[in-house]
Amino acid sequence: MTAGELKRSITIAGHRTSISLEEEFWEELRRRAARDGVTIAALIASIDSARGKRNLSSAIRVWLLKRLQGEAGGTKTSGT
């Protein structure tokens, strides 16, 4: 874990796991979950199911980046 990262535990598919993300990513994840009307755990589970071989923290960062890039380009992206 690097400076500025916050580690949180979450249950995904019945298994506890820890995720380390910078506070800014946690804040954006909370906003996205609220916007989509889902829990953070449900949103992370969705990202987890589509992440392939990437570690979960990286998958979350990339997922958020793609959403922000889509919005900046005027294209709304949905799902994972």
C-alpha atoms as a PDB file:
ATOM      1  CA  MET A   1       0.000   0.000   0.000  1.00  0.00           C
ATOM      2  CA  THR A   2       1.391   3.413  -0.915  1.00  0.00           C
ATOM      3  CA  ALA A   3       0.921   6.720   0.850  1.00  0.00           C
ATOM      4  CA  GLY A   4      -2.557   8.106   0.371  1.00  0.00           C
ATOM      5  CA  GLU A   5      -4.194   4.720  -0.177  1.00  0.00           C
ATOM      6  CA  LEU A   6      -7.027   3.569   2.040  1.00  0.00           C
ATOM      7  CA  LYS A   7      -7.583  -0.134   2.552  1.00  0.00           C
ATOM      8  CA  ARG A   8     -11.165  -1.315   2.964  1.00  0.00           C
ATOM      9  CA  SER A   9     -12.636  -4.778   3.353  1.00  0.00           C
ATOM     10  CA  ILE A  10     -15.613  -5.834   1.279  1.00  0.00           C
ATOM     11  CA  THR A  11     -17.523  -9.037   0.622  1.00  0.00           C
ATOM     12  CA  ILE A  12     -17.743 -10.131  -3.013  1.00  0.00           C
ATOM     13  CA  ALA A  13     -19.544 -13.332  -3.960  1.00  0.00           C
ATOM     14  CA  GLY A  14     -19.489 -14.450  -0.339  1.00  0.00           C
ATOM     15  CA  HIS A  15     -15.742 -13.890   0.128  1.00  0.00           C
ATOM     16  CA  ARG A  16     -14.069 -11.111   2.114  1.00  0.00           C
ATOM     17  CA  THR A  17     -11.328  -9.212   0.340  1.00  0.00           C
ATOM     18  CA  SER A  18      -9.360  -6.040   0.988  1.00  0.00           C
ATOM     19  CA  ILE A  19      -9.087  -3.301  -1.600  1.00  0.00           C
ATOM     20  CA  SER A  20      -6.528  -0.484  -1.488  1.00  0.00           C
ATOM     21  CA  LEU A  21      -7.470   2.693  -3.359  1.00  0.00           C
ATOM     22  CA  GLU A  22      -6.672   6.356  -2.973  1.00  0.00           C
ATOM     23  CA  GLU A  23      -9.435   8.377  -1.269  1.00  0.00           C
ATOM     24  CA  GLU A  24     -10.271  10.111  -4.560  1.00  0.00           C
ATOM     25  CA  PHE A  25     -11.094   6.761  -6.155  1.00  0.00           C
ATOM     26  CA  TRP A  26     -13.226   5.734  -3.160  1.00  0.00           C
ATOM     27  CA  GLU A  27     -15.127   9.027  -3.445  1.00  0.00           C
ATOM     28  CA  GLU A  28     -15.759   8.554  -7.161  1.00  0.00           C
ATOM     29  CA  LEU A  29     -16.792   4.939  -6.577  1.00  0.00           C
ATOM     30  CA  ARG A  30     -19.342   6.147  -3.995  1.00  0.00           C
ATOM     31  CA  ARG A  31     -20.692   8.729  -6.472  1.00  0.00           C
ATOM     32  CA  ARG A  32     -20.995   6.119  -9.231  1.00  0.00           C
ATOM     33  CA  ALA A  33     -22.762   3.643  -6.973  1.00  0.00           C
ATOM     34  CA  ALA A  34     -25.215   6.329  -5.798  1.00  0.00           C
ATOM     35  CA  ARG A  35     -25.811   7.479  -9.379  1.00  0.00           C
ATOM     36  CA  ASP A  36     -26.533   3.900 -10.464  1.00  0.00           C
ATOM     37  CA  GLY A  37     -28.675   3.179  -7.403  1.00  0.00           C
ATOM     38  CA  VAL A  38     -26.492   0.295  -6.226  1.00  0.00           C
ATOM     39  CA  THR A  39     -24.272  -0.351  -3.246  1.00  0.00           C
ATOM     40  CA  ILE A  40     -20.522   0.065  -3.516  1.00  0.00           C
ATOM     41  CA  ALA A  41     -20.228  -3.681  -2.922  1.00  0.00           C
ATOM     42  CA  ALA A  42     -22.551  -4.417  -5.857  1.00  0.00           C
ATOM     43  CA  LEU A  43     -20.642  -2.053  -8.133  1.00  0.00           C
ATOM     44  CA  ILE A  44     -17.311  -3.588  -7.149  1.00  0.00           C
ATOM     45  CA  ALA A  45     -18.735  -7.089  -7.677  1.00  0.00           C
ATOM     46  CA  SER A  46     -19.747  -6.047 -11.210  1.00  0.00           C
ATOM     47  CA  ILE A  47     -16.260  -4.694 -11.924  1.00  0.00           C
ATOM     48  CA  ASP A  48     -14.738  -7.833 -10.402  1.00  0.00           C
ATOM     49  CA  SER A  49     -16.742 -10.119 -12.672  1.00  0.00           C
ATOM     50  CA  ALA A  50     -15.343  -8.414 -15.789  1.00  0.00           C
ATOM     51  CA  ARG A  51     -11.762  -7.688 -14.705  1.00  0.00           C
ATOM     52  CA  GLY A  52      -9.972 -10.612 -16.306  1.00  0.00           C
ATOM     53  CA  LYS A  53      -6.443 -11.090 -14.948  1.00  0.00           C
ATOM     54  CA  ARG A  54      -6.026  -7.514 -13.687  1.00  0.00           C
ATOM     55  CA  ASN A  55      -5.904  -7.121  -9.892  1.00  0.00           C
ATOM     56  CA  LEU A  56      -9.104  -5.721  -8.413  1.00  0.00           C
ATOM     57  CA  SER A  57      -7.734  -2.342  -7.308  1.00  0.00           C
ATOM     58  CA  SER A  58      -6.328  -1.725 -10.790  1.00  0.00           C
ATOM     59  CA  ALA A  59      -9.568  -2.906 -12.407  1.00  0.00           C
ATOM     60  CA  ILE A  60     -11.541  -0.388 -10.345  1.00  0.00           C
ATOM     61  CA  ARG A  61      -9.201   2.469 -11.287  1.00  0.00           C
ATOM     62  CA  VAL A  62      -9.363   1.562 -14.991  1.00  0.00           C
ATOM     63  CA  TRP A  63     -13.171   1.166 -14.864  1.00  0.00           C
ATOM     64  CA  LEU A  64     -13.530   4.629 -13.313  1.00  0.00           C
ATOM     65  CA  LEU A  65     -11.086   6.145 -15.807  1.00  0.00           C
ATOM     66  CA  LYS A  66     -13.026   4.729 -18.761  1.00  0.00           C
ATOM     67  CA  ARG A  67     -16.288   6.149 -17.381  1.00  0.00           C
ATOM     68  CA  LEU A  68     -14.740   9.583 -16.941  1.00  0.00           C
ATOM     69  CA  GLN A  69     -13.171   9.486 -20.402  1.00  0.00           C
ATOM     70  CA  GLY A  70     -16.519   8.497 -21.917  1.00  0.00           C
ATOM     71  CA  GLU A  71     -18.247  11.405 -20.225  1.00  0.00           C
ATOM     72  CA  ALA A  72     -15.520  13.856 -21.232  1.00  0.00           C
ATOM     73  CA  GLY A  73     -15.893  12.720 -24.834  1.00  0.00           C
ATOM     74  CA  GLY A  74     -19.663  13.092 -24.676  1.00  0.00           C
ATOM     75  CA  THR A  75     -20.229   9.354 -24.796  1.00  0.00           C
ATOM     76  CA  LYS A  76     -22.047   7.787 -21.873  1.00  0.00           C
ATOM     77  CA  THR A  77     -20.727   4.341 -21.086  1.00  0.00           C
ATOM     78  CA  SER A  78     -22.697   1.803 -19.107  1.00  0.00           C
ATOM     79  CA  GLY A  79     -21.969  -1.428 -17.322  1.00  0.00           C
ATOM     80  CA  THR A  80     -18.529  -2.909 -16.987  1.00  0.00           C
END
